Structures are given as structure tokens and as C-alpha cells.
Amino acid sequence: MIIKCKYCLPQTGIEVPEFSSSDRNCLLDCNKQSPLRAILWIKDNFNLNLDIAKYIVTHINTDYGHCNRCAYNTLESENINCPKCGAFNFNWP
């Protein structure tokens, strides 16, 4: 899956793996403990480089339905660009 965030480079987007529900849960838990732990987990389990792993973790929202960048709080899809500011969010329950 290719994701794009209007505030981040590259403009062409980043190819990210399709995460299973167990992968998502693990990433959410790791990210709550430490974003660095989540980055390393992605690198180790999906063989992605550091830049892509950082990009992914940066876009995981910490509160379901809330945009990482602005105050918008009714995101409804799992992988969504915020309708208010346009930032990409991994909006996982």
C-alpha cells in the first residue's frame, strides 16, 4: 500500500506493508512504550530501512479517531488523510 502525507517527503508516497491485526496491536503497544521500540520492531520484522520505519511510526495516531497533527477528532477510516489538515494517519482501534 502506498501512503502519502502532504506534510512529509517524498511527494510520491511511501510503500508500506499491509499490517495484520496482530502487527497493528504490537505496533500500538510498542509505540505507547517508546516510538523507538516501534521503529526497531518494524525494521526487524519487515526488513524496512530506518527512514520508512520512522515515517510509519510518526503517522500512527496515539488516540483512535484523533489526528496526529490537528485537533480533528472524528477520523473514521483505518488509513486516512485528515479531512481538516490533510495529514496521513494510521487510525487503528
N, C-alpha and C. Protein backbone atom coordinates (compact mmCIF):
# COMPACT_ATOMS: atom_id res chain seq x y z
N MET A 1 0.84 -1.16 0.00
CA MET A 1 0.00 0.00 0.00
C MET A 1 0.90 1.24 0.00
N ILE A 2 0.53 2.22 -0.79
CA ILE A 2 1.29 3.47 -0.84
C ILE A 2 0.53 4.52 -0.04
N ILE A 3 1.24 5.17 0.89
CA ILE A 3 0.63 6.23 1.68
C ILE A 3 1.32 7.55 1.36
N LYS A 4 0.54 8.62 1.44
CA LYS A 4 1.07 9.96 1.19
C LYS A 4 0.59 10.90 2.28
N CYS A 5 1.48 11.75 2.74
CA CYS A 5 1.14 12.80 3.69
C CYS A 5 1.59 14.11 3.06
N LYS A 6 0.71 15.08 2.99
CA LYS A 6 1.07 16.32 2.30
C LYS A 6 2.15 17.10 3.03
N TYR A 7 2.42 16.77 4.28
CA TYR A 7 3.45 17.48 5.05
C TYR A 7 4.80 16.78 5.04
N CYS A 8 4.86 15.56 4.53
CA CYS A 8 6.09 14.77 4.58
C CYS A 8 6.60 14.46 3.19
N LEU A 9 7.89 14.24 3.12
CA LEU A 9 8.50 13.81 1.88
C LEU A 9 8.56 12.30 1.88
N PRO A 10 8.62 11.64 0.79
CA PRO A 10 8.58 12.15 -0.57
C PRO A 10 7.14 12.40 -1.04
N GLN A 11 7.02 13.24 -2.01
CA GLN A 11 5.71 13.59 -2.55
C GLN A 11 5.04 12.41 -3.25
N THR A 12 5.83 11.46 -3.69
CA THR A 12 5.27 10.30 -4.39
C THR A 12 4.67 9.29 -3.43
N GLY A 13 4.98 9.40 -2.15
CA GLY A 13 4.45 8.48 -1.15
C GLY A 13 5.46 7.42 -0.77
N ILE A 14 5.07 6.61 0.18
CA ILE A 14 5.92 5.53 0.70
C ILE A 14 5.15 4.22 0.60
N GLU A 15 5.83 3.20 0.14
CA GLU A 15 5.23 1.86 0.10
C GLU A 15 5.39 1.23 1.48
N VAL A 16 4.26 0.88 2.09
CA VAL A 16 4.28 0.24 3.41
C VAL A 16 3.58 -1.11 3.32
N PRO A 17 3.98 -2.05 4.17
CA PRO A 17 3.33 -3.36 4.15
C PRO A 17 1.90 -3.28 4.68
N GLU A 18 1.11 -4.27 4.32
CA GLU A 18 -0.22 -4.42 4.91
C GLU A 18 -0.02 -5.07 6.27
N PHE A 19 -0.34 -4.37 7.32
CA PHE A 19 -0.15 -4.90 8.66
C PHE A 19 -1.36 -5.73 9.07
N SER A 20 -1.10 -6.90 9.63
CA SER A 20 -2.18 -7.73 10.16
C SER A 20 -2.69 -7.09 11.46
N SER A 21 -3.80 -7.59 11.96
CA SER A 21 -4.33 -7.02 13.21
C SER A 21 -3.37 -7.26 14.37
N SER A 22 -2.68 -8.40 14.38
CA SER A 22 -1.71 -8.65 15.46
C SER A 22 -0.50 -7.72 15.31
N ASP A 23 -0.08 -7.44 14.06
CA ASP A 23 1.01 -6.49 13.84
C ASP A 23 0.60 -5.10 14.34
N ARG A 24 -0.62 -4.71 14.04
CA ARG A 24 -1.11 -3.39 14.47
C ARG A 24 -1.12 -3.29 15.98
N ASN A 25 -1.63 -4.33 16.64
CA ASN A 25 -1.67 -4.31 18.11
C ASN A 25 -0.27 -4.22 18.71
N CYS A 26 0.66 -4.97 18.14
CA CYS A 26 2.03 -4.93 18.62
C CYS A 26 2.64 -3.54 18.40
N LEU A 27 2.40 -2.96 17.23
CA LEU A 27 2.91 -1.62 16.95
C LEU A 27 2.32 -0.58 17.89
N LEU A 28 1.03 -0.67 18.15
CA LEU A 28 0.39 0.27 19.08
C LEU A 28 1.00 0.15 20.47
N ASP A 29 1.19 -1.09 20.94
CA ASP A 29 1.78 -1.30 22.26
C ASP A 29 3.22 -0.79 22.31
N CYS A 30 4.00 -1.12 21.30
CA CYS A 30 5.39 -0.66 21.24
C CYS A 30 5.46 0.86 21.20
N ASN A 31 4.59 1.47 20.41
CA ASN A 31 4.60 2.92 20.26
C ASN A 31 4.22 3.62 21.57
N LYS A 32 3.31 3.02 22.34
CA LYS A 32 2.95 3.60 23.64
C LYS A 32 4.12 3.53 24.61
N GLN A 33 4.89 2.44 24.55
CA GLN A 33 6.05 2.30 25.42
C GLN A 33 7.18 3.23 24.98
N SER A 34 7.44 3.21 23.68
CA SER A 34 8.52 4.03 23.13
C SER A 34 8.43 4.00 21.61
N PRO A 35 8.34 5.16 20.95
CA PRO A 35 8.35 5.16 19.49
C PRO A 35 9.60 4.50 18.91
N LEU A 36 10.72 4.62 19.60
CA LEU A 36 11.94 3.96 19.13
C LEU A 36 11.77 2.45 19.10
N ARG A 37 11.11 1.89 20.10
CA ARG A 37 10.85 0.45 20.12
C ARG A 37 10.00 0.04 18.92
N ALA A 38 9.00 0.86 18.58
CA ALA A 38 8.15 0.56 17.43
C ALA A 38 8.95 0.63 16.13
N ILE A 39 9.82 1.61 16.02
CA ILE A 39 10.67 1.74 14.83
C ILE A 39 11.55 0.50 14.66
N LEU A 40 12.19 0.08 15.74
CA LEU A 40 13.06 -1.09 15.68
C LEU A 40 12.27 -2.35 15.38
N TRP A 41 11.05 -2.47 15.93
CA TRP A 41 10.21 -3.63 15.67
C TRP A 41 9.87 -3.71 14.18
N ILE A 42 9.53 -2.59 13.57
CA ILE A 42 9.22 -2.57 12.14
C ILE A 42 10.45 -2.96 11.33
N LYS A 43 11.61 -2.38 11.66
CA LYS A 43 12.84 -2.71 10.94
C LYS A 43 13.13 -4.20 11.01
N ASP A 44 13.00 -4.77 12.20
CA ASP A 44 13.34 -6.18 12.40
C ASP A 44 12.34 -7.14 11.76
N ASN A 45 11.07 -6.81 11.80
CA ASN A 45 10.04 -7.73 11.34
C ASN A 45 9.64 -7.57 9.88
N PHE A 46 9.93 -6.42 9.29
CA PHE A 46 9.53 -6.19 7.91
C PHE A 46 10.69 -5.83 6.99
N ASN A 47 11.91 -5.85 7.53
CA ASN A 47 13.12 -5.57 6.76
C ASN A 47 13.02 -4.25 6.00
N LEU A 48 12.52 -3.22 6.67
CA LEU A 48 12.43 -1.89 6.07
C LEU A 48 13.57 -1.04 6.61
N ASN A 49 13.94 0.00 5.84
CA ASN A 49 15.02 0.85 6.32
C ASN A 49 14.51 1.81 7.41
N LEU A 50 15.43 2.45 8.06
CA LEU A 50 15.12 3.31 9.20
C LEU A 50 14.17 4.46 8.82
N ASP A 51 14.38 5.07 7.68
CA ASP A 51 13.55 6.20 7.26
C ASP A 51 12.09 5.79 7.09
N ILE A 52 11.85 4.67 6.46
CA ILE A 52 10.47 4.21 6.26
C ILE A 52 9.84 3.81 7.59
N ALA A 53 10.61 3.15 8.45
CA ALA A 53 10.09 2.76 9.76
C ALA A 53 9.71 4.00 10.57
N LYS A 54 10.54 5.04 10.53
CA LYS A 54 10.22 6.29 11.23
C LYS A 54 8.96 6.94 10.65
N TYR A 55 8.87 6.94 9.35
CA TYR A 55 7.71 7.53 8.67
C TYR A 55 6.42 6.84 9.12
N ILE A 56 6.46 5.53 9.20
CA ILE A 56 5.28 4.76 9.62
C ILE A 56 4.92 5.11 11.05
N VAL A 57 5.88 5.05 11.96
CA VAL A 57 5.60 5.30 13.38
C VAL A 57 5.12 6.73 13.60
N THR A 58 5.67 7.67 12.88
CA THR A 58 5.25 9.06 13.01
C THR A 58 3.79 9.25 12.67
N HIS A 59 3.26 8.41 11.81
CA HIS A 59 1.88 8.56 11.34
C HIS A 59 0.87 7.67 12.07
N ILE A 60 1.32 6.92 13.09
CA ILE A 60 0.38 6.14 13.90
C ILE A 60 -0.21 7.08 14.94
N ASN A 61 -1.53 7.29 14.88
CA ASN A 61 -2.09 8.20 15.88
C ASN A 61 -2.20 7.49 17.23
N THR A 62 -1.97 8.25 18.28
CA THR A 62 -1.95 7.67 19.62
C THR A 62 -3.36 7.50 20.19
N ASP A 63 -4.29 8.31 19.76
CA ASP A 63 -5.68 8.19 20.20
C ASP A 63 -6.55 7.90 18.99
N TYR A 64 -7.29 6.80 19.05
CA TYR A 64 -8.14 6.41 17.93
C TYR A 64 -9.12 7.53 17.58
N GLY A 65 -9.15 7.86 16.29
CA GLY A 65 -10.07 8.88 15.81
C GLY A 65 -9.54 10.30 15.86
N HIS A 66 -8.37 10.50 16.47
CA HIS A 66 -7.79 11.84 16.60
C HIS A 66 -6.60 11.99 15.67
N CYS A 67 -6.59 13.07 14.92
CA CYS A 67 -5.48 13.35 14.01
C CYS A 67 -4.21 13.64 14.81
N ASN A 68 -3.06 13.17 14.29
CA ASN A 68 -1.77 13.44 14.92
C ASN A 68 -1.35 14.89 14.81
N ARG A 69 -1.86 15.60 13.82
CA ARG A 69 -1.36 16.94 13.52
C ARG A 69 -2.27 18.06 14.00
N CYS A 70 -3.58 17.87 13.93
CA CYS A 70 -4.51 18.94 14.29
C CYS A 70 -5.51 18.47 15.33
N ALA A 71 -6.47 19.26 15.63
CA ALA A 71 -7.44 18.94 16.69
C ALA A 71 -8.63 18.13 16.18
N TYR A 72 -8.62 17.73 14.92
CA TYR A 72 -9.75 16.98 14.37
C TYR A 72 -9.86 15.64 15.11
N ASN A 73 -11.07 15.30 15.56
CA ASN A 73 -11.20 14.10 16.39
C ASN A 73 -12.28 13.12 15.95
N THR A 74 -12.62 13.13 14.67
CA THR A 74 -13.61 12.16 14.20
C THR A 74 -13.13 11.42 12.95
N LEU A 75 -11.89 10.97 12.96
CA LEU A 75 -11.39 10.13 11.87
C LEU A 75 -12.11 8.80 11.94
N GLU A 76 -12.55 8.30 10.79
CA GLU A 76 -13.36 7.09 10.80
C GLU A 76 -12.72 5.89 10.11
N SER A 77 -11.81 6.12 9.18
CA SER A 77 -11.18 5.01 8.46
C SER A 77 -9.87 4.61 9.12
N GLU A 78 -9.37 3.44 8.74
CA GLU A 78 -8.11 2.96 9.32
C GLU A 78 -6.90 3.70 8.79
N ASN A 79 -6.82 3.89 7.51
CA ASN A 79 -5.70 4.58 6.88
C ASN A 79 -6.30 5.79 6.16
N ILE A 80 -6.09 6.97 6.73
CA ILE A 80 -6.85 8.12 6.26
C ILE A 80 -6.03 9.41 6.31
N ASN A 81 -6.27 10.25 5.32
CA ASN A 81 -5.76 11.60 5.36
C ASN A 81 -6.82 12.45 6.06
N CYS A 82 -6.42 13.21 7.03
CA CYS A 82 -7.33 14.02 7.82
C CYS A 82 -8.10 14.98 6.91
N PRO A 83 -9.44 15.02 7.01
CA PRO A 83 -10.20 15.93 6.17
C PRO A 83 -9.98 17.40 6.52
N LYS A 84 -9.47 17.68 7.71
CA LYS A 84 -9.25 19.08 8.12
C LYS A 84 -7.88 19.60 7.66
N CYS A 85 -6.82 18.84 7.97
CA CYS A 85 -5.46 19.36 7.66
C CYS A 85 -4.76 18.59 6.55
N GLY A 86 -5.22 17.38 6.21
CA GLY A 86 -4.62 16.61 5.14
C GLY A 86 -3.50 15.67 5.55
N ALA A 87 -3.14 15.66 6.84
CA ALA A 87 -2.07 14.78 7.31
C ALA A 87 -2.53 13.32 7.29
N PHE A 88 -1.62 12.42 6.96
CA PHE A 88 -1.95 11.00 6.94
C PHE A 88 -1.94 10.45 8.36
N ASN A 89 -2.88 9.53 8.66
CA ASN A 89 -2.96 8.87 9.96
C ASN A 89 -3.21 7.39 9.78
N PHE A 90 -2.44 6.57 10.50
CA PHE A 90 -2.81 5.18 10.70
C PHE A 90 -3.75 5.20 11.88
N ASN A 91 -5.03 5.11 11.63
CA ASN A 91 -6.05 5.25 12.66
C ASN A 91 -6.55 3.86 13.03
N TRP A 92 -5.79 3.20 13.90
CA TRP A 92 -6.11 1.82 14.25
C TRP A 92 -6.78 1.76 15.62
N PRO A 93 -7.89 0.99 15.71
CA PRO A 93 -8.57 0.87 17.01
C PRO A 93 -7.78 0.01 17.98
